[in-house]
Amino acid sequence: MTNTSAPHFGQVFVMDDPLTLGPNITSKLVGRAQGIYASASQSDWAFLMALNFAFMEGKYNGSNLSILGRNAILSDVREMPIVGGSGVFRFARGYAQARTHTVDLKTLDAVVEYNVYVLHH
């Protein structure tokens, strides 16, 4: 990290967050969003995301979707590729669009909406 680097450049974060149907913490829990993200840009707020949606409910129970891509968090909409999956989502390909719903600048907690478009067998 240098004096001219973007804030937090090089930091790695691990997540295990609730995956819900809606933006409220009281929304129905359908799985977990688990993975790692690293601040990978020296010039802006962009993360390298390695993210799994691990489903624990309904017909997707036990299945996973895997996302790997760049997340420029200050953009209104960020598109990241679906690179695979397991269970129902075996051989998955597609993309996810992320939109920040809310963010708390004091805690840096955020609620992010993901719209996922996926083809699978």
N, C-alpha and C. Protein backbone atom coordinates (compact mmCIF):
# COMPACT_ATOMS: atom_id res chain seq x y z
N MET A 1 0.85 -1.17 0.00
CA MET A 1 0.00 0.00 0.00
C MET A 1 0.90 1.23 0.00
N THR A 2 0.53 2.22 -0.81
CA THR A 2 1.28 3.46 -0.88
C THR A 2 0.36 4.61 -0.49
N ASN A 3 0.94 5.80 -0.38
CA ASN A 3 0.15 6.98 -0.05
C ASN A 3 -0.85 7.34 -1.14
N THR A 4 -0.62 6.87 -2.38
CA THR A 4 -1.52 7.19 -3.47
C THR A 4 -2.48 6.04 -3.78
N SER A 5 -2.42 4.94 -3.06
CA SER A 5 -3.30 3.80 -3.29
C SER A 5 -4.72 4.12 -2.84
N ALA A 6 -5.67 3.45 -3.50
CA ALA A 6 -7.06 3.55 -3.05
C ALA A 6 -7.16 3.00 -1.63
N PRO A 7 -8.10 3.50 -0.85
CA PRO A 7 -8.24 3.00 0.52
C PRO A 7 -8.42 1.48 0.55
N HIS A 8 -7.74 0.85 1.46
CA HIS A 8 -7.84 -0.59 1.70
C HIS A 8 -7.24 -1.46 0.60
N PHE A 9 -6.48 -0.90 -0.34
CA PHE A 9 -5.90 -1.72 -1.41
C PHE A 9 -5.10 -2.88 -0.81
N GLY A 10 -5.36 -4.06 -1.31
CA GLY A 10 -4.65 -5.25 -0.88
C GLY A 10 -5.30 -5.99 0.28
N GLN A 11 -6.30 -5.40 0.90
CA GLN A 11 -6.96 -6.08 2.00
C GLN A 11 -7.87 -7.19 1.48
N VAL A 12 -7.93 -8.28 2.24
CA VAL A 12 -8.77 -9.42 1.91
C VAL A 12 -9.82 -9.58 3.00
N PHE A 13 -11.04 -9.82 2.59
CA PHE A 13 -12.16 -9.98 3.51
C PHE A 13 -12.82 -11.32 3.23
N VAL A 14 -13.35 -11.93 4.28
CA VAL A 14 -14.08 -13.19 4.16
C VAL A 14 -15.51 -12.94 4.58
N MET A 15 -16.45 -13.55 3.84
CA MET A 15 -17.86 -13.33 4.18
C MET A 15 -18.61 -14.65 4.33
N ASP A 16 -19.59 -14.60 5.19
CA ASP A 16 -20.56 -15.67 5.37
C ASP A 16 -21.84 -14.96 5.78
N ASP A 17 -22.56 -14.44 4.79
CA ASP A 17 -23.69 -13.56 5.02
C ASP A 17 -25.01 -14.24 4.67
N PRO A 18 -26.11 -13.80 5.30
CA PRO A 18 -27.40 -14.38 4.95
C PRO A 18 -27.79 -14.05 3.52
N LEU A 19 -28.35 -15.03 2.85
CA LEU A 19 -28.90 -14.87 1.50
C LEU A 19 -30.41 -14.94 1.66
N THR A 20 -31.07 -13.81 1.45
CA THR A 20 -32.51 -13.71 1.72
C THR A 20 -33.27 -13.34 0.46
N LEU A 21 -34.58 -13.53 0.50
CA LEU A 21 -35.42 -13.19 -0.65
C LEU A 21 -35.57 -11.69 -0.84
N GLY A 22 -35.44 -10.93 0.22
CA GLY A 22 -35.61 -9.48 0.15
C GLY A 22 -34.51 -8.76 0.90
N PRO A 23 -34.53 -7.44 0.89
CA PRO A 23 -33.45 -6.66 1.49
C PRO A 23 -33.46 -6.58 3.01
N ASN A 24 -34.57 -6.96 3.64
CA ASN A 24 -34.65 -6.87 5.10
C ASN A 24 -34.09 -8.12 5.75
N ILE A 25 -33.43 -7.95 6.90
CA ILE A 25 -32.86 -9.08 7.62
C ILE A 25 -33.95 -10.07 8.04
N THR A 26 -35.20 -9.59 8.11
CA THR A 26 -36.31 -10.47 8.46
C THR A 26 -36.88 -11.21 7.25
N SER A 27 -36.36 -10.93 6.04
CA SER A 27 -36.81 -11.64 4.85
C SER A 27 -36.44 -13.11 4.97
N LYS A 28 -37.15 -13.94 4.24
CA LYS A 28 -36.93 -15.39 4.30
C LYS A 28 -35.50 -15.74 3.93
N LEU A 29 -34.84 -16.50 4.81
CA LEU A 29 -33.47 -16.98 4.57
C LEU A 29 -33.52 -18.17 3.62
N VAL A 30 -32.80 -18.08 2.51
CA VAL A 30 -32.77 -19.18 1.54
C VAL A 30 -31.39 -19.79 1.42
N GLY A 31 -30.38 -19.18 2.05
CA GLY A 31 -29.02 -19.71 1.97
C GLY A 31 -28.01 -18.76 2.56
N ARG A 32 -26.76 -18.97 2.18
CA ARG A 32 -25.66 -18.14 2.66
C ARG A 32 -24.85 -17.65 1.46
N ALA A 33 -24.39 -16.42 1.53
CA ALA A 33 -23.44 -15.87 0.56
C ALA A 33 -22.07 -15.98 1.21
N GLN A 34 -21.26 -16.89 0.70
CA GLN A 34 -19.98 -17.19 1.32
C GLN A 34 -18.85 -17.01 0.31
N GLY A 35 -17.75 -16.44 0.77
CA GLY A 35 -16.62 -16.30 -0.13
C GLY A 35 -15.60 -15.32 0.39
N ILE A 36 -14.79 -14.86 -0.54
CA ILE A 36 -13.75 -13.89 -0.22
C ILE A 36 -13.80 -12.76 -1.24
N TYR A 37 -13.39 -11.59 -0.79
CA TYR A 37 -13.21 -10.48 -1.72
C TYR A 37 -11.98 -9.70 -1.29
N ALA A 38 -11.26 -9.24 -2.29
CA ALA A 38 -10.01 -8.53 -2.06
C ALA A 38 -10.05 -7.21 -2.80
N SER A 39 -9.59 -6.15 -2.13
CA SER A 39 -9.49 -4.85 -2.76
C SER A 39 -8.35 -4.92 -3.78
N ALA A 40 -8.72 -4.92 -5.06
CA ALA A 40 -7.75 -5.25 -6.11
C ALA A 40 -7.40 -4.09 -7.03
N SER A 41 -7.84 -2.89 -6.71
CA SER A 41 -7.54 -1.74 -7.55
C SER A 41 -6.80 -0.68 -6.74
N GLN A 42 -5.78 -0.11 -7.33
CA GLN A 42 -5.05 0.98 -6.69
C GLN A 42 -5.68 2.33 -7.00
N SER A 43 -6.64 2.37 -7.94
CA SER A 43 -7.17 3.66 -8.36
C SER A 43 -8.64 3.87 -8.03
N ASP A 44 -9.40 2.80 -7.74
CA ASP A 44 -10.80 2.99 -7.38
C ASP A 44 -11.24 1.86 -6.44
N TRP A 45 -12.50 1.92 -6.02
CA TRP A 45 -13.05 0.92 -5.12
C TRP A 45 -13.54 -0.27 -5.94
N ALA A 46 -12.67 -1.24 -6.15
CA ALA A 46 -13.04 -2.43 -6.92
C ALA A 46 -12.46 -3.65 -6.23
N PHE A 47 -13.31 -4.67 -6.12
CA PHE A 47 -12.91 -5.91 -5.47
C PHE A 47 -12.86 -7.05 -6.47
N LEU A 48 -11.98 -7.99 -6.21
CA LEU A 48 -12.03 -9.28 -6.86
C LEU A 48 -12.91 -10.15 -5.98
N MET A 49 -14.02 -10.63 -6.52
CA MET A 49 -14.98 -11.42 -5.75
C MET A 49 -14.87 -12.89 -6.13
N ALA A 50 -14.79 -13.74 -5.14
CA ALA A 50 -14.95 -15.18 -5.29
C ALA A 50 -16.08 -15.53 -4.33
N LEU A 51 -17.27 -15.75 -4.87
CA LEU A 51 -18.48 -15.80 -4.07
C LEU A 51 -19.30 -17.03 -4.41
N ASN A 52 -19.78 -17.72 -3.40
CA ASN A 52 -20.70 -18.84 -3.58
C ASN A 52 -22.02 -18.51 -2.94
N PHE A 53 -23.10 -18.76 -3.67
CA PHE A 53 -24.43 -18.74 -3.10
C PHE A 53 -24.75 -20.18 -2.73
N ALA A 54 -24.75 -20.47 -1.44
CA ALA A 54 -25.03 -21.81 -0.94
C ALA A 54 -26.49 -21.85 -0.51
N PHE A 55 -27.32 -22.56 -1.28
CA PHE A 55 -28.76 -22.59 -1.02
C PHE A 55 -29.10 -23.66 0.01
N MET A 56 -30.04 -23.33 0.90
CA MET A 56 -30.41 -24.23 2.00
C MET A 56 -31.93 -24.37 2.09
N GLU A 57 -32.64 -24.11 1.01
CA GLU A 57 -34.10 -24.06 1.08
C GLU A 57 -34.70 -24.54 -0.23
N GLY A 58 -35.82 -25.22 -0.17
CA GLY A 58 -36.61 -25.57 -1.35
C GLY A 58 -35.89 -26.46 -2.33
N LYS A 59 -36.25 -26.32 -3.61
CA LYS A 59 -35.69 -27.21 -4.64
C LYS A 59 -34.20 -26.96 -4.89
N TYR A 60 -33.66 -25.84 -4.42
CA TYR A 60 -32.23 -25.56 -4.58
C TYR A 60 -31.40 -25.98 -3.37
N ASN A 61 -32.03 -26.54 -2.35
CA ASN A 61 -31.34 -26.96 -1.13
C ASN A 61 -30.14 -27.86 -1.47
N GLY A 62 -28.97 -27.49 -0.94
CA GLY A 62 -27.75 -28.25 -1.18
C GLY A 62 -27.01 -27.88 -2.45
N SER A 63 -27.56 -26.99 -3.24
CA SER A 63 -26.93 -26.55 -4.48
C SER A 63 -26.19 -25.24 -4.27
N ASN A 64 -25.22 -24.97 -5.14
CA ASN A 64 -24.40 -23.76 -5.06
C ASN A 64 -24.26 -23.12 -6.42
N LEU A 65 -24.16 -21.80 -6.44
CA LEU A 65 -23.75 -21.04 -7.62
C LEU A 65 -22.45 -20.33 -7.29
N SER A 66 -21.51 -20.32 -8.22
CA SER A 66 -20.21 -19.70 -7.99
C SER A 66 -20.01 -18.51 -8.92
N ILE A 67 -19.60 -17.38 -8.31
CA ILE A 67 -19.35 -16.13 -9.03
C ILE A 67 -17.88 -15.78 -8.85
N LEU A 68 -17.24 -15.36 -9.92
CA LEU A 68 -15.85 -14.92 -9.85
C LEU A 68 -15.70 -13.74 -10.78
N GLY A 69 -15.36 -12.56 -10.23
CA GLY A 69 -15.23 -11.40 -11.11
C GLY A 69 -14.91 -10.13 -10.36
N ARG A 70 -14.89 -9.05 -11.13
CA ARG A 70 -14.58 -7.72 -10.61
C ARG A 70 -15.86 -7.04 -10.17
N ASN A 71 -15.82 -6.42 -8.99
CA ASN A 71 -16.97 -5.72 -8.44
C ASN A 71 -16.54 -4.29 -8.12
N ALA A 72 -16.85 -3.37 -9.03
CA ALA A 72 -16.57 -1.94 -8.83
C ALA A 72 -17.71 -1.37 -8.00
N ILE A 73 -17.55 -1.39 -6.69
CA ILE A 73 -18.67 -1.18 -5.77
C ILE A 73 -19.34 0.19 -5.83
N LEU A 74 -18.70 1.18 -6.42
CA LEU A 74 -19.33 2.50 -6.52
C LEU A 74 -20.20 2.65 -7.77
N SER A 75 -20.16 1.66 -8.66
CA SER A 75 -21.03 1.67 -9.85
C SER A 75 -22.44 1.28 -9.43
N ASP A 76 -23.43 1.86 -10.10
CA ASP A 76 -24.82 1.54 -9.77
C ASP A 76 -25.12 0.05 -9.97
N VAL A 77 -24.68 -0.49 -11.10
CA VAL A 77 -24.89 -1.91 -11.41
C VAL A 77 -23.55 -2.52 -11.77
N ARG A 78 -23.26 -3.65 -11.13
CA ARG A 78 -22.02 -4.37 -11.43
C ARG A 78 -22.38 -5.74 -11.97
N GLU A 79 -21.72 -6.13 -13.06
CA GLU A 79 -21.99 -7.44 -13.65
C GLU A 79 -20.79 -8.35 -13.45
N MET A 80 -21.08 -9.55 -12.94
CA MET A 80 -20.02 -10.53 -12.68
C MET A 80 -20.45 -11.87 -13.25
N PRO A 81 -19.49 -12.65 -13.75
CA PRO A 81 -19.85 -13.93 -14.36
C PRO A 81 -20.15 -15.03 -13.34
N ILE A 82 -21.12 -15.88 -13.70
CA ILE A 82 -21.34 -17.14 -13.01
C ILE A 82 -20.38 -18.12 -13.67
N VAL A 83 -19.50 -18.72 -12.88
CA VAL A 83 -18.47 -19.59 -13.45
C VAL A 83 -18.73 -21.07 -13.20
N GLY A 84 -19.78 -21.39 -12.48
CA GLY A 84 -20.10 -22.79 -12.23
C GLY A 84 -21.10 -22.94 -11.13
N GLY A 85 -21.30 -24.19 -10.75
CA GLY A 85 -22.23 -24.49 -9.69
C GLY A 85 -22.21 -25.97 -9.37
N SER A 86 -23.05 -26.35 -8.42
CA SER A 86 -23.15 -27.76 -8.05
C SER A 86 -24.61 -28.09 -7.79
N GLY A 87 -24.91 -29.38 -7.67
CA GLY A 87 -26.29 -29.80 -7.45
C GLY A 87 -27.15 -29.44 -8.64
N VAL A 88 -28.26 -28.78 -8.39
CA VAL A 88 -29.16 -28.35 -9.46
C VAL A 88 -28.43 -27.46 -10.46
N PHE A 89 -27.43 -26.74 -10.01
CA PHE A 89 -26.72 -25.78 -10.86
C PHE A 89 -25.44 -26.33 -11.48
N ARG A 90 -25.33 -27.66 -11.57
CA ARG A 90 -24.15 -28.27 -12.20
C ARG A 90 -24.02 -27.72 -13.63
N PHE A 91 -22.81 -27.39 -14.03
CA PHE A 91 -22.49 -26.82 -15.35
C PHE A 91 -23.08 -25.43 -15.57
N ALA A 92 -23.36 -24.71 -14.49
CA ALA A 92 -23.98 -23.39 -14.60
C ALA A 92 -23.06 -22.39 -15.30
N ARG A 93 -23.67 -21.55 -16.10
CA ARG A 93 -23.03 -20.40 -16.73
C ARG A 93 -24.04 -19.28 -16.74
N GLY A 94 -23.55 -18.05 -16.70
CA GLY A 94 -24.44 -16.90 -16.74
C GLY A 94 -23.78 -15.69 -16.14
N TYR A 95 -24.60 -14.82 -15.58
CA TYR A 95 -24.06 -13.61 -14.97
C TYR A 95 -24.96 -13.16 -13.83
N ALA A 96 -24.37 -12.37 -12.95
CA ALA A 96 -25.10 -11.78 -11.83
C ALA A 96 -24.93 -10.27 -11.90
N GLN A 97 -26.01 -9.56 -11.67
CA GLN A 97 -25.96 -8.10 -11.58
C GLN A 97 -26.16 -7.71 -10.13
N ALA A 98 -25.22 -6.97 -9.59
CA ALA A 98 -25.27 -6.54 -8.20
C ALA A 98 -25.61 -5.05 -8.14
N ARG A 99 -26.48 -4.73 -7.19
CA ARG A 99 -26.86 -3.34 -6.92
C ARG A 99 -26.84 -3.14 -5.41
N THR A 100 -26.20 -2.08 -4.96
CA THR A 100 -26.18 -1.80 -3.53
C THR A 100 -27.52 -1.21 -3.13
N HIS A 101 -28.18 -1.85 -2.19
CA HIS A 101 -29.49 -1.40 -1.69
C HIS A 101 -29.29 -0.34 -0.62
N THR A 102 -28.48 -0.68 0.40
CA THR A 102 -28.14 0.27 1.46
C THR A 102 -26.71 0.00 1.91
N VAL A 103 -26.09 1.03 2.49
CA VAL A 103 -24.76 0.88 3.06
C VAL A 103 -24.67 1.77 4.29
N ASP A 104 -24.05 1.26 5.34
CA ASP A 104 -23.80 2.02 6.56
C ASP A 104 -22.32 2.42 6.52
N LEU A 105 -22.03 3.69 6.30
CA LEU A 105 -20.65 4.14 6.14
C LEU A 105 -19.84 4.06 7.43
N LYS A 106 -20.50 3.97 8.58
CA LYS A 106 -19.77 3.82 9.84
C LYS A 106 -19.28 2.40 10.04
N THR A 107 -20.14 1.43 9.74
CA THR A 107 -19.77 0.02 9.96
C THR A 107 -19.29 -0.65 8.68
N LEU A 108 -19.56 -0.01 7.53
CA LEU A 108 -19.30 -0.56 6.20
C LEU A 108 -20.13 -1.80 5.91
N ASP A 109 -21.21 -2.00 6.66
CA ASP A 109 -22.16 -3.06 6.36
C ASP A 109 -23.03 -2.61 5.19
N ALA A 110 -23.29 -3.55 4.28
CA ALA A 110 -24.10 -3.22 3.11
C ALA A 110 -25.12 -4.32 2.85
N VAL A 111 -26.23 -3.92 2.25
CA VAL A 111 -27.20 -4.86 1.72
C VAL A 111 -27.11 -4.75 0.21
N VAL A 112 -26.82 -5.86 -0.44
CA VAL A 112 -26.61 -5.87 -1.89
C VAL A 112 -27.65 -6.80 -2.52
N GLU A 113 -28.30 -6.31 -3.57
CA GLU A 113 -29.26 -7.11 -4.33
C GLU A 113 -28.52 -7.75 -5.50
N TYR A 114 -28.71 -9.05 -5.67
CA TYR A 114 -28.14 -9.77 -6.81
C TYR A 114 -29.28 -10.30 -7.66
N ASN A 115 -29.29 -9.94 -8.92
CA ASN A 115 -30.18 -10.55 -9.92
C ASN A 115 -29.32 -11.49 -10.73
N VAL A 116 -29.69 -12.76 -10.72
CA VAL A 116 -28.86 -13.81 -11.32
C VAL A 116 -29.57 -14.38 -12.54
N TYR A 117 -28.84 -14.47 -13.63
CA TYR A 117 -29.32 -15.05 -14.88
C TYR A 117 -28.41 -16.23 -15.17
N VAL A 118 -28.98 -17.45 -15.13
CA VAL A 118 -28.13 -18.64 -15.18
C VAL A 118 -28.74 -19.72 -16.07
N LEU A 119 -27.88 -20.37 -16.84
CA LEU A 119 -28.23 -21.56 -17.60
C LEU A 119 -27.54 -22.74 -16.93
N HIS A 120 -28.27 -23.85 -16.79
CA HIS A 120 -27.70 -25.02 -16.15
C HIS A 120 -28.41 -26.26 -16.64
N HIS A 121 -27.85 -27.42 -16.34
CA HIS A 121 -28.46 -28.70 -16.74
C HIS A 121 -29.34 -29.22 -15.65
